[in-house]
Amino acid sequence: MAVEHTSEIKLTVGLDENRVPEELNWSAEDGGVDNEEAKAMMLSVWDSKNQESLKIDLWTKDMPVDEMKIFFHQTLVTMSDTFMKATQDEKMTATMKDFCDYFAEKLELKS
């Protein structure tokens, strides 16, 4: 099957003199996103040849710790949802969701 369309996602990182992120911006034309500001990002890609995940985790130095905790929790929940879509493994998805609830409880993110 031939590729009929390509889509680009662009990340721009503004660094200070010590190469610490000051600004994060991203664009995804097909998603209607144009140079939007972000305070943190996690990007994972799968290297099939080497059977390993590669990642880039960045956050700006003014990212508040309380927001980072919420960001992590929401990312874990989303990963659980994605795991279910990709594997249809209901038992492990439920286990992952239980951990997400535990994580939120320990960080006092949920009442």
C-alpha atoms as a PDB file:
ATOM      1  CA  MET A   1       0.000   0.000   0.000  1.00  0.00           C
ATOM      2  CA  ALA A   2       1.444   3.352  -1.033  1.00  0.00           C
ATOM      3  CA  VAL A   3       1.604   6.370   1.261  1.00  0.00           C
ATOM      4  CA  GLU A   4      -1.001   8.820   0.013  1.00  0.00           C
ATOM      5  CA  HIS A   5      -0.579  11.568   2.581  1.00  0.00           C
ATOM      6  CA  THR A   6       2.044  12.646   5.072  1.00  0.00           C
ATOM      7  CA  SER A   7       1.415  14.566   8.255  1.00  0.00           C
ATOM      8  CA  GLU A   8       3.966  16.564  10.198  1.00  0.00           C
ATOM      9  CA  ILE A   9       4.140  17.206  13.910  1.00  0.00           C
ATOM     10  CA  LYS A  10       6.644  19.914  14.811  1.00  0.00           C
ATOM     11  CA  LEU A  11       8.227  20.518  18.216  1.00  0.00           C
ATOM     12  CA  THR A  12      10.232  23.637  18.979  1.00  0.00           C
ATOM     13  CA  VAL A  13      12.288  23.891  22.156  1.00  0.00           C
ATOM     14  CA  GLY A  14      13.655  27.248  23.324  1.00  0.00           C
ATOM     15  CA  LEU A  15      16.710  26.720  25.540  1.00  0.00           C
ATOM     16  CA  ASP A  16      18.503  28.964  28.019  1.00  0.00           C
ATOM     17  CA  GLU A  17      22.300  29.394  28.131  1.00  0.00           C
ATOM     18  CA  ASN A  18      22.611  26.049  29.984  1.00  0.00           C
ATOM     19  CA  ARG A  19      20.446  24.274  27.390  1.00  0.00           C
ATOM     20  CA  VAL A  20      17.558  23.945  29.852  1.00  0.00           C
ATOM     21  CA  PRO A  21      14.118  24.279  28.213  1.00  0.00           C
ATOM     22  CA  GLU A  22      12.568  27.717  28.630  1.00  0.00           C
ATOM     23  CA  GLU A  23       9.803  27.278  26.051  1.00  0.00           C
ATOM     24  CA  LEU A  24       8.071  24.365  24.346  1.00  0.00           C
ATOM     25  CA  ASN A  25       5.838  24.885  21.337  1.00  0.00           C
ATOM     26  CA  TRP A  26       4.198  22.412  19.012  1.00  0.00           C
ATOM     27  CA  SER A  27       2.295  22.369  15.756  1.00  0.00           C
ATOM     28  CA  ALA A  28       0.224  19.691  14.035  1.00  0.00           C
ATOM     29  CA  GLU A  29      -1.460  21.129  10.965  1.00  0.00           C
ATOM     30  CA  ASP A  30      -3.759  18.135  10.442  1.00  0.00           C
ATOM     31  CA  GLY A  31      -4.916  18.481  14.051  1.00  0.00           C
ATOM     32  CA  GLY A  32      -5.497  22.212  13.819  1.00  0.00           C
ATOM     33  CA  VAL A  33      -2.641  23.031  16.209  1.00  0.00           C
ATOM     34  CA  ASP A  34      -0.395  25.940  15.275  1.00  0.00           C
ATOM     35  CA  ASN A  35       2.579  26.836  17.469  1.00  0.00           C
ATOM     36  CA  GLU A  36       0.793  26.144  20.759  1.00  0.00           C
ATOM     37  CA  GLU A  37       2.667  26.557  24.029  1.00  0.00           C
ATOM     38  CA  ALA A  38       3.274  23.564  26.302  1.00  0.00           C
ATOM     39  CA  LYS A  39       5.028  23.240  29.646  1.00  0.00           C
ATOM     40  CA  ALA A  40       5.933  19.555  29.337  1.00  0.00           C
ATOM     41  CA  MET A  41       6.032  16.743  26.789  1.00  0.00           C
ATOM     42  CA  MET A  42       6.771  13.048  26.604  1.00  0.00           C
ATOM     43  CA  LEU A  43       7.506  11.454  23.258  1.00  0.00           C
ATOM     44  CA  SER A  44       8.101   7.728  22.843  1.00  0.00           C
ATOM     45  CA  VAL A  45       8.876   5.904  19.618  1.00  0.00           C
ATOM     46  CA  TRP A  46       9.328   2.186  19.032  1.00  0.00           C
ATOM     47  CA  ASP A  47      12.546   1.036  17.353  1.00  0.00           C
ATOM     48  CA  SER A  48      11.414  -2.291  15.920  1.00  0.00           C
ATOM     49  CA  LYS A  49      14.862  -3.226  14.664  1.00  0.00           C
ATOM     50  CA  ASN A  50      16.452  -2.970  18.126  1.00  0.00           C
ATOM     51  CA  GLN A  51      13.255  -3.897  20.005  1.00  0.00           C
ATOM     52  CA  GLU A  52      13.404  -0.876  22.277  1.00  0.00           C
ATOM     53  CA  SER A  53      11.537   2.305  22.992  1.00  0.00           C
ATOM     54  CA  LEU A  54      13.269   5.624  22.597  1.00  0.00           C
ATOM     55  CA  LYS A  55      12.024   8.667  24.404  1.00  0.00           C
ATOM     56  CA  ILE A  56      12.320  12.381  24.866  1.00  0.00           C
ATOM     57  CA  ASP A  57      10.962  13.876  28.088  1.00  0.00           C
ATOM     58  CA  LEU A  58      11.121  17.649  28.369  1.00  0.00           C
ATOM     59  CA  TRP A  59       9.612  20.243  30.646  1.00  0.00           C
ATOM     60  CA  THR A  60      10.208  23.934  31.066  1.00  0.00           C
ATOM     61  CA  LYS A  61      11.929  25.125  34.197  1.00  0.00           C
ATOM     62  CA  ASP A  62       8.794  27.014  35.196  1.00  0.00           C
ATOM     63  CA  MET A  63       6.582  23.890  35.063  1.00  0.00           C
ATOM     64  CA  PRO A  64       4.949  23.747  38.516  1.00  0.00           C
ATOM     65  CA  VAL A  65       5.443  20.482  40.411  1.00  0.00           C
ATOM     66  CA  ASP A  66       1.717  20.167  41.150  1.00  0.00           C
ATOM     67  CA  GLU A  67       0.961  20.424  37.420  1.00  0.00           C
ATOM     68  CA  MET A  68       3.699  17.855  36.677  1.00  0.00           C
ATOM     69  CA  LYS A  69       1.965  15.394  39.023  1.00  0.00           C
ATOM     70  CA  ILE A  70      -1.351  15.918  37.194  1.00  0.00           C
ATOM     71  CA  PHE A  71       0.417  15.605  33.835  1.00  0.00           C
ATOM     72  CA  PHE A  72       1.947  12.276  34.866  1.00  0.00           C
ATOM     73  CA  HIS A  73      -1.385  10.965  36.154  1.00  0.00           C
ATOM     74  CA  GLN A  74      -3.241  11.936  32.990  1.00  0.00           C
ATOM     75  CA  THR A  75      -0.466  10.412  30.873  1.00  0.00           C
ATOM     76  CA  LEU A  76      -0.698   7.128  32.780  1.00  0.00           C
ATOM     77  CA  VAL A  77      -4.484   7.046  32.310  1.00  0.00           C
ATOM     78  CA  THR A  78      -4.086   7.720  28.598  1.00  0.00           C
ATOM     79  CA  MET A  79      -1.436   5.008  28.317  1.00  0.00           C
ATOM     80  CA  SER A  80      -3.895   2.569  29.905  1.00  0.00           C
ATOM     81  CA  ASP A  81      -6.536   3.518  27.345  1.00  0.00           C
ATOM     82  CA  THR A  82      -4.057   3.174  24.493  1.00  0.00           C
ATOM     83  CA  PHE A  83      -2.876  -0.197  25.818  1.00  0.00           C
ATOM     84  CA  MET A  84      -6.479  -1.431  25.737  1.00  0.00           C
ATOM     85  CA  LYS A  85      -7.023  -0.191  22.172  1.00  0.00           C
ATOM     86  CA  ALA A  86      -3.770  -1.784  21.006  1.00  0.00           C
ATOM     87  CA  THR A  87      -3.996  -5.140  22.810  1.00  0.00           C
ATOM     88  CA  GLN A  88      -7.611  -5.727  23.878  1.00  0.00           C
ATOM     89  CA  ASP A  89      -6.112  -7.061  27.145  1.00  0.00           C
ATOM     90  CA  GLU A  90      -8.892  -6.161  29.578  1.00  0.00           C
ATOM     91  CA  LYS A  91      -7.255  -7.777  32.615  1.00  0.00           C
ATOM     92  CA  MET A  92      -3.978  -5.858  32.319  1.00  0.00           C
ATOM     93  CA  THR A  93      -5.823  -2.655  31.444  1.00  0.00           C
ATOM     94  CA  ALA A  94      -7.827  -2.991  34.656  1.00  0.00           C
ATOM     95  CA  THR A  95      -4.582  -3.507  36.579  1.00  0.00           C
ATOM     96  CA  MET A  96      -3.108  -0.410  34.977  1.00  0.00           C
ATOM     97  CA  LYS A  97      -6.235   1.613  35.817  1.00  0.00           C
ATOM     98  CA  ASP A  98      -6.000   0.406  39.424  1.00  0.00           C
ATOM     99  CA  PHE A  99      -2.434   1.720  39.532  1.00  0.00           C
ATOM    100  CA  CYS A 100      -3.608   5.048  38.101  1.00  0.00           C
ATOM    101  CA  ASP A 101      -6.164   5.312  40.903  1.00  0.00           C
ATOM    102  CA  TYR A 102      -3.486   4.407  43.472  1.00  0.00           C
ATOM    103  CA  PHE A 103      -1.097   6.990  41.972  1.00  0.00           C
ATOM    104  CA  ALA A 104      -3.771   9.710  42.156  1.00  0.00           C
ATOM    105  CA  GLU A 105      -4.678   8.752  45.718  1.00  0.00           C
ATOM    106  CA  LYS A 106      -1.078   8.842  46.938  1.00  0.00           C
ATOM    107  CA  LEU A 107      -0.535  12.237  45.316  1.00  0.00           C
ATOM    108  CA  GLU A 108      -3.911  13.423  46.609  1.00  0.00           C
ATOM    109  CA  LEU A 109      -5.062  14.290  43.112  1.00  0.00           C
ATOM    110  CA  LYS A 110      -8.552  12.852  43.587  1.00  0.00           C
ATOM    111  CA  SER A 111     -10.967  13.268  46.452  1.00  0.00           C
END
